[in-house]
Amino acid sequence: MINAEKNAHKLALIQKKQLAGLLSDRFPQVLSITINVVHYYGESGPVYMERTINMVPNSNIYLLHLQCSGGRCVNGGFDLTPRVEELVRNHKKSGKGKMVCAEKDEAGASNHASLSYDISIKYLH
């Protein structure tokens, strides 16, 4: 990828983050969200990284978009927004799952990364 393409991609990411809004705007009934994430190399490879994401009402909702750990991945990543939306819609306090990077290679297979997540939600009473 040439520098102009990289810069355009970075600018698009910045704009998405700015437009995403706050947790309190998207989910006003939510007090906090804690997401424990384990990133893996490939679909079943070794652990790349473990982390915890803590969100409060003034957190940017874009925190639910996680980047792929594949070094050359451009259009991939993980969007946990639909999972959180489903949990909130059903007023669930927790949910677990696995995801594979959204970007596919020429053969149609994803070999970038995968992750497992454990989401905990606290609601306003």
N, C-alpha and C. Protein backbone atom coordinates (compact mmCIF):
# COMPACT_ATOMS: atom_id res chain seq x y z
N MET A 1 0.85 -1.17 0.00
CA MET A 1 0.00 0.00 0.00
C MET A 1 0.90 1.24 0.00
N ILE A 2 0.59 2.17 -0.85
CA ILE A 2 1.41 3.38 -0.91
C ILE A 2 0.96 4.35 0.17
N ASN A 3 1.80 5.35 0.45
CA ASN A 3 1.53 6.29 1.53
C ASN A 3 0.19 7.00 1.39
N ALA A 4 -0.20 7.40 0.18
CA ALA A 4 -1.48 8.09 -0.01
C ALA A 4 -2.65 7.21 0.42
N GLU A 5 -2.57 5.91 0.09
CA GLU A 5 -3.63 4.98 0.50
C GLU A 5 -3.65 4.80 2.01
N LYS A 6 -2.47 4.69 2.61
CA LYS A 6 -2.39 4.55 4.07
C LYS A 6 -2.97 5.78 4.75
N ASN A 7 -2.62 6.96 4.26
CA ASN A 7 -3.13 8.20 4.84
C ASN A 7 -4.64 8.30 4.69
N ALA A 8 -5.17 7.92 3.54
CA ALA A 8 -6.61 7.95 3.32
C ALA A 8 -7.32 6.99 4.28
N HIS A 9 -6.73 5.82 4.48
CA HIS A 9 -7.30 4.85 5.40
C HIS A 9 -7.30 5.39 6.84
N LYS A 10 -6.19 6.01 7.24
CA LYS A 10 -6.10 6.58 8.59
C LYS A 10 -7.12 7.71 8.78
N LEU A 11 -7.28 8.54 7.77
CA LEU A 11 -8.25 9.63 7.84
C LEU A 11 -9.67 9.09 7.95
N ALA A 12 -9.98 8.05 7.20
CA ALA A 12 -11.30 7.44 7.27
C ALA A 12 -11.56 6.88 8.67
N LEU A 13 -10.55 6.27 9.27
CA LEU A 13 -10.67 5.75 10.63
C LEU A 13 -10.95 6.85 11.64
N ILE A 14 -10.24 7.95 11.52
CA ILE A 14 -10.44 9.10 12.42
C ILE A 14 -11.86 9.62 12.28
N GLN A 15 -12.36 9.71 11.06
CA GLN A 15 -13.72 10.20 10.84
C GLN A 15 -14.75 9.25 11.43
N LYS A 16 -14.54 7.94 11.29
CA LYS A 16 -15.46 6.96 11.87
C LYS A 16 -15.50 7.10 13.38
N LYS A 17 -14.35 7.29 13.99
CA LYS A 17 -14.29 7.45 15.44
C LYS A 17 -15.05 8.68 15.89
N GLN A 18 -14.88 9.78 15.17
CA GLN A 18 -15.55 11.03 15.53
C GLN A 18 -17.06 10.92 15.37
N LEU A 19 -17.51 10.19 14.35
CA LEU A 19 -18.94 10.06 14.09
C LEU A 19 -19.63 9.01 14.96
N ALA A 20 -18.86 8.16 15.59
CA ALA A 20 -19.43 7.04 16.34
C ALA A 20 -20.29 7.50 17.52
N GLY A 21 -19.90 8.55 18.20
CA GLY A 21 -20.68 9.03 19.34
C GLY A 21 -20.30 8.35 20.64
N LEU A 22 -21.06 8.66 21.67
CA LEU A 22 -20.79 8.17 23.01
C LEU A 22 -21.67 6.99 23.37
N LEU A 23 -21.19 6.20 24.31
CA LEU A 23 -21.97 5.07 24.81
C LEU A 23 -23.33 5.55 25.31
N SER A 24 -23.36 6.66 26.03
CA SER A 24 -24.61 7.17 26.59
C SER A 24 -25.60 7.58 25.51
N ASP A 25 -25.12 8.00 24.34
CA ASP A 25 -26.02 8.35 23.24
C ASP A 25 -26.63 7.10 22.62
N ARG A 26 -25.83 6.07 22.44
CA ARG A 26 -26.28 4.85 21.76
C ARG A 26 -27.06 3.94 22.69
N PHE A 27 -26.61 3.84 23.95
CA PHE A 27 -27.25 2.95 24.92
C PHE A 27 -27.48 3.72 26.23
N PRO A 28 -28.48 4.58 26.29
CA PRO A 28 -28.67 5.43 27.47
C PRO A 28 -28.99 4.66 28.75
N GLN A 29 -29.48 3.42 28.63
CA GLN A 29 -29.81 2.63 29.81
C GLN A 29 -28.62 1.88 30.39
N VAL A 30 -27.43 2.01 29.76
CA VAL A 30 -26.24 1.26 30.19
C VAL A 30 -25.35 2.13 31.07
N LEU A 31 -24.97 1.60 32.22
CA LEU A 31 -24.06 2.28 33.14
C LEU A 31 -22.61 2.01 32.77
N SER A 32 -22.30 0.75 32.43
CA SER A 32 -20.93 0.41 32.05
C SER A 32 -20.91 -0.91 31.29
N ILE A 33 -19.84 -1.07 30.49
CA ILE A 33 -19.60 -2.31 29.76
C ILE A 33 -18.14 -2.69 29.99
N THR A 34 -17.92 -3.94 30.33
CA THR A 34 -16.57 -4.48 30.46
C THR A 34 -16.45 -5.63 29.48
N ILE A 35 -15.41 -5.58 28.65
CA ILE A 35 -15.20 -6.62 27.65
C ILE A 35 -13.80 -7.21 27.83
N ASN A 36 -13.73 -8.49 28.13
CA ASN A 36 -12.46 -9.21 28.19
C ASN A 36 -12.26 -9.86 26.83
N VAL A 37 -11.12 -9.57 26.20
CA VAL A 37 -10.85 -10.02 24.85
C VAL A 37 -9.53 -10.79 24.82
N VAL A 38 -9.54 -11.91 24.09
CA VAL A 38 -8.32 -12.66 23.83
C VAL A 38 -8.16 -12.71 22.31
N HIS A 39 -7.07 -12.11 21.80
CA HIS A 39 -6.76 -12.11 20.37
C HIS A 39 -5.87 -13.32 20.08
N TYR A 40 -6.13 -13.96 18.93
CA TYR A 40 -5.35 -15.12 18.50
C TYR A 40 -4.74 -14.86 17.13
N TYR A 41 -3.59 -15.45 16.88
CA TYR A 41 -3.01 -15.46 15.53
C TYR A 41 -3.84 -16.45 14.71
N GLY A 42 -4.36 -16.03 13.58
CA GLY A 42 -5.16 -16.92 12.74
C GLY A 42 -6.44 -17.34 13.44
N GLU A 43 -7.10 -18.34 12.86
CA GLU A 43 -8.38 -18.78 13.43
C GLU A 43 -8.21 -19.66 14.65
N SER A 44 -7.10 -20.37 14.73
CA SER A 44 -6.92 -21.26 15.89
C SER A 44 -5.47 -21.24 16.38
N GLY A 45 -4.78 -20.16 16.11
CA GLY A 45 -3.38 -20.05 16.48
C GLY A 45 -3.17 -19.72 17.94
N PRO A 46 -1.93 -19.48 18.32
CA PRO A 46 -1.62 -19.13 19.71
C PRO A 46 -2.14 -17.74 20.08
N VAL A 47 -2.17 -17.48 21.36
CA VAL A 47 -2.66 -16.19 21.87
C VAL A 47 -1.70 -15.08 21.47
N TYR A 48 -2.25 -14.03 20.90
CA TYR A 48 -1.48 -12.85 20.51
C TYR A 48 -1.49 -11.83 21.65
N MET A 49 -2.69 -11.61 22.24
CA MET A 49 -2.80 -10.59 23.27
C MET A 49 -4.11 -10.79 24.03
N GLU A 50 -4.10 -10.45 25.30
CA GLU A 50 -5.30 -10.41 26.12
C GLU A 50 -5.45 -9.00 26.64
N ARG A 51 -6.71 -8.51 26.67
CA ARG A 51 -6.93 -7.17 27.20
C ARG A 51 -8.36 -7.03 27.69
N THR A 52 -8.56 -5.99 28.49
CA THR A 52 -9.88 -5.66 29.01
C THR A 52 -10.23 -4.24 28.57
N ILE A 53 -11.44 -4.08 28.04
CA ILE A 53 -11.94 -2.78 27.62
C ILE A 53 -13.04 -2.38 28.59
N ASN A 54 -12.88 -1.24 29.24
CA ASN A 54 -13.88 -0.72 30.16
C ASN A 54 -14.53 0.51 29.54
N MET A 55 -15.84 0.48 29.45
CA MET A 55 -16.58 1.60 28.86
C MET A 55 -17.56 2.15 29.88
N VAL A 56 -17.63 3.47 29.95
CA VAL A 56 -18.56 4.20 30.80
C VAL A 56 -19.38 5.12 29.89
N PRO A 57 -20.42 5.78 30.41
CA PRO A 57 -21.28 6.59 29.54
C PRO A 57 -20.57 7.58 28.61
N ASN A 58 -19.45 8.15 29.03
CA ASN A 58 -18.78 9.12 28.15
C ASN A 58 -17.70 8.49 27.27
N SER A 59 -17.67 7.15 27.18
CA SER A 59 -16.73 6.45 26.30
C SER A 59 -17.21 6.53 24.85
N ASN A 60 -16.27 6.63 23.93
CA ASN A 60 -16.61 6.61 22.52
C ASN A 60 -17.02 5.21 22.12
N ILE A 61 -18.14 5.10 21.45
CA ILE A 61 -18.67 3.80 21.06
C ILE A 61 -17.73 3.08 20.10
N TYR A 62 -16.82 3.80 19.48
CA TYR A 62 -15.88 3.18 18.54
C TYR A 62 -14.94 2.20 19.24
N LEU A 63 -14.91 2.22 20.57
CA LEU A 63 -14.12 1.23 21.30
C LEU A 63 -14.60 -0.19 21.03
N LEU A 64 -15.82 -0.33 20.49
CA LEU A 64 -16.36 -1.64 20.17
C LEU A 64 -15.83 -2.17 18.83
N HIS A 65 -15.05 -1.36 18.12
CA HIS A 65 -14.43 -1.77 16.87
C HIS A 65 -12.96 -2.10 17.17
N LEU A 66 -12.61 -3.36 17.09
CA LEU A 66 -11.25 -3.79 17.43
C LEU A 66 -10.48 -4.11 16.16
N GLN A 67 -9.23 -3.68 16.13
CA GLN A 67 -8.40 -3.92 14.96
C GLN A 67 -7.90 -5.36 14.92
N CYS A 68 -7.66 -5.80 13.71
CA CYS A 68 -7.09 -7.13 13.48
C CYS A 68 -5.60 -7.08 13.85
N SER A 69 -5.10 -8.17 14.37
CA SER A 69 -3.68 -8.23 14.71
C SER A 69 -2.82 -8.62 13.52
N GLY A 70 -3.45 -8.90 12.38
CA GLY A 70 -2.69 -9.21 11.16
C GLY A 70 -2.04 -7.95 10.65
N GLY A 71 -0.75 -7.94 10.50
CA GLY A 71 0.01 -6.74 10.18
C GLY A 71 -0.41 -6.02 8.92
N ARG A 72 -0.84 -6.73 7.89
CA ARG A 72 -1.20 -6.08 6.64
C ARG A 72 -2.70 -6.01 6.42
N CYS A 73 -3.47 -6.26 7.43
CA CYS A 73 -4.92 -6.23 7.32
C CYS A 73 -5.38 -4.78 7.21
N VAL A 74 -6.22 -4.47 6.22
CA VAL A 74 -6.69 -3.11 6.01
C VAL A 74 -8.18 -2.99 6.29
N ASN A 75 -8.98 -3.85 5.71
CA ASN A 75 -10.43 -3.73 5.81
C ASN A 75 -11.06 -4.69 6.82
N GLY A 76 -10.24 -5.29 7.63
CA GLY A 76 -10.75 -6.28 8.56
C GLY A 76 -10.99 -5.71 9.93
N GLY A 77 -10.92 -6.58 10.89
CA GLY A 77 -11.14 -6.19 12.27
C GLY A 77 -12.38 -6.86 12.82
N PHE A 78 -12.78 -6.40 13.98
CA PHE A 78 -13.88 -7.02 14.71
C PHE A 78 -14.81 -5.92 15.20
N ASP A 79 -16.07 -6.03 14.89
CA ASP A 79 -17.06 -5.05 15.33
C ASP A 79 -17.97 -5.73 16.35
N LEU A 80 -17.80 -5.38 17.61
CA LEU A 80 -18.61 -5.96 18.68
C LEU A 80 -19.93 -5.23 18.87
N THR A 81 -20.16 -4.16 18.12
CA THR A 81 -21.39 -3.38 18.28
C THR A 81 -22.65 -4.23 18.14
N PRO A 82 -22.77 -5.06 17.09
CA PRO A 82 -24.00 -5.87 16.99
C PRO A 82 -24.21 -6.81 18.18
N ARG A 83 -23.12 -7.34 18.73
CA ARG A 83 -23.25 -8.23 19.90
C ARG A 83 -23.75 -7.46 21.11
N VAL A 84 -23.19 -6.25 21.32
CA VAL A 84 -23.63 -5.42 22.44
C VAL A 84 -25.09 -4.98 22.23
N GLU A 85 -25.44 -4.59 21.01
CA GLU A 85 -26.82 -4.20 20.72
C GLU A 85 -27.80 -5.31 21.05
N GLU A 86 -27.45 -6.54 20.68
CA GLU A 86 -28.32 -7.68 20.96
C GLU A 86 -28.47 -7.91 22.47
N LEU A 87 -27.36 -7.82 23.20
CA LEU A 87 -27.42 -8.00 24.65
C LEU A 87 -28.28 -6.93 25.30
N VAL A 88 -28.09 -5.68 24.89
CA VAL A 88 -28.85 -4.58 25.48
C VAL A 88 -30.33 -4.70 25.12
N ARG A 89 -30.62 -5.02 23.86
CA ARG A 89 -32.01 -5.17 23.41
C ARG A 89 -32.74 -6.22 24.25
N ASN A 90 -32.04 -7.28 24.60
CA ASN A 90 -32.63 -8.36 25.40
C ASN A 90 -32.38 -8.20 26.89
N HIS A 91 -31.83 -7.06 27.28
CA HIS A 91 -31.50 -6.72 28.67
C HIS A 91 -30.70 -7.83 29.36
N LYS A 92 -29.74 -8.40 28.64
CA LYS A 92 -28.85 -9.43 29.18
C LYS A 92 -27.70 -8.75 29.89
N LYS A 93 -27.17 -9.40 30.90
CA LYS A 93 -26.06 -8.85 31.66
C LYS A 93 -24.70 -9.33 31.16
N SER A 94 -24.69 -10.39 30.35
CA SER A 94 -23.41 -10.90 29.86
C SER A 94 -23.60 -11.72 28.59
N GLY A 95 -22.49 -11.90 27.89
CA GLY A 95 -22.48 -12.71 26.68
C GLY A 95 -21.05 -13.05 26.30
N LYS A 96 -20.88 -14.21 25.66
CA LYS A 96 -19.56 -14.68 25.23
C LYS A 96 -19.64 -15.10 23.78
N GLY A 97 -18.49 -15.09 23.12
CA GLY A 97 -18.47 -15.56 21.75
C GLY A 97 -17.08 -15.51 21.16
N LYS A 98 -17.02 -15.89 19.88
CA LYS A 98 -15.78 -15.86 19.12
C LYS A 98 -16.05 -15.20 17.79
N MET A 99 -15.03 -14.56 17.23
CA MET A 99 -15.13 -13.90 15.94
C MET A 99 -13.86 -14.14 15.15
N VAL A 100 -14.00 -14.08 13.82
CA VAL A 100 -12.87 -14.18 12.90
C VAL A 100 -12.78 -12.85 12.18
N CYS A 101 -11.57 -12.41 11.87
CA CYS A 101 -11.36 -11.14 11.18
C CYS A 101 -12.26 -11.02 9.96
N ALA A 102 -12.79 -9.83 9.75
CA ALA A 102 -13.74 -9.59 8.67
C ALA A 102 -13.09 -9.59 7.29
N GLU A 103 -11.80 -9.35 7.18
CA GLU A 103 -11.15 -9.31 5.87
C GLU A 103 -10.81 -10.71 5.40
N LYS A 104 -11.05 -10.94 4.12
CA LYS A 104 -10.78 -12.25 3.52
C LYS A 104 -9.64 -12.11 2.52
N ASP A 105 -8.89 -13.20 2.33
CA ASP A 105 -7.84 -13.19 1.32
C ASP A 105 -8.43 -13.60 -0.04
N GLU A 106 -7.59 -13.76 -1.05
CA GLU A 106 -8.05 -14.07 -2.40
C GLU A 106 -8.85 -15.36 -2.46
N ALA A 107 -8.53 -16.32 -1.63
CA ALA A 107 -9.23 -17.61 -1.64
C ALA A 107 -10.53 -17.56 -0.85
N GLY A 108 -10.85 -16.42 -0.26
CA GLY A 108 -12.08 -16.29 0.50
C GLY A 108 -11.96 -16.71 1.95
N ALA A 109 -10.76 -17.04 2.37
CA ALA A 109 -10.55 -17.47 3.75
C ALA A 109 -9.92 -16.35 4.56
N SER A 110 -10.26 -16.30 5.83
CA SER A 110 -9.65 -15.33 6.72
C SER A 110 -8.50 -16.00 7.45
N ASN A 111 -7.33 -15.46 7.32
CA ASN A 111 -6.19 -16.04 8.04
C ASN A 111 -5.46 -14.97 8.83
N HIS A 112 -6.16 -13.88 9.09
CA HIS A 112 -5.54 -12.76 9.80
C HIS A 112 -5.50 -13.02 11.30
N ALA A 113 -6.68 -13.11 11.90
CA ALA A 113 -6.75 -13.25 13.35
C ALA A 113 -8.16 -13.64 13.75
N SER A 114 -8.29 -14.02 15.00
CA SER A 114 -9.60 -14.29 15.58
C SER A 114 -9.54 -13.81 17.02
N LEU A 115 -10.70 -13.77 17.65
CA LEU A 115 -10.73 -13.38 19.06
C LEU A 115 -11.90 -14.05 19.75
N SER A 116 -11.78 -14.16 21.05
CA SER A 116 -12.90 -14.56 21.88
C SER A 116 -13.18 -13.39 22.81
N TYR A 117 -14.45 -13.23 23.16
CA TYR A 117 -14.84 -12.09 24.00
C TYR A 117 -15.82 -12.54 25.07
N ASP A 118 -15.78 -11.82 26.17
CA ASP A 118 -16.69 -12.02 27.28
C ASP A 118 -17.16 -10.63 27.69
N ILE A 119 -18.44 -10.33 27.45
CA ILE A 119 -18.99 -9.00 27.67
C ILE A 119 -19.84 -9.01 28.93
N SER A 120 -19.64 -8.01 29.81
CA SER A 120 -20.46 -7.81 31.00
C SER A 120 -21.05 -6.41 30.92
N ILE A 121 -22.35 -6.31 31.17
CA ILE A 121 -23.05 -5.03 31.08
C ILE A 121 -23.75 -4.73 32.40
N LYS A 122 -23.59 -3.51 32.87
CA LYS A 122 -24.32 -3.03 34.04
C LYS A 122 -25.29 -1.96 33.56
N TYR A 123 -26.53 -2.07 34.01
CA TYR A 123 -27.57 -1.15 33.59
C TYR A 123 -27.90 -0.15 34.70
N LEU A 124 -28.42 1.01 34.29
CA LEU A 124 -28.97 1.96 35.26
C LEU A 124 -30.25 1.34 35.83
N HIS A 125 -30.53 1.60 37.07
CA HIS A 125 -31.75 0.99 37.67
C HIS A 125 -32.92 1.88 37.51
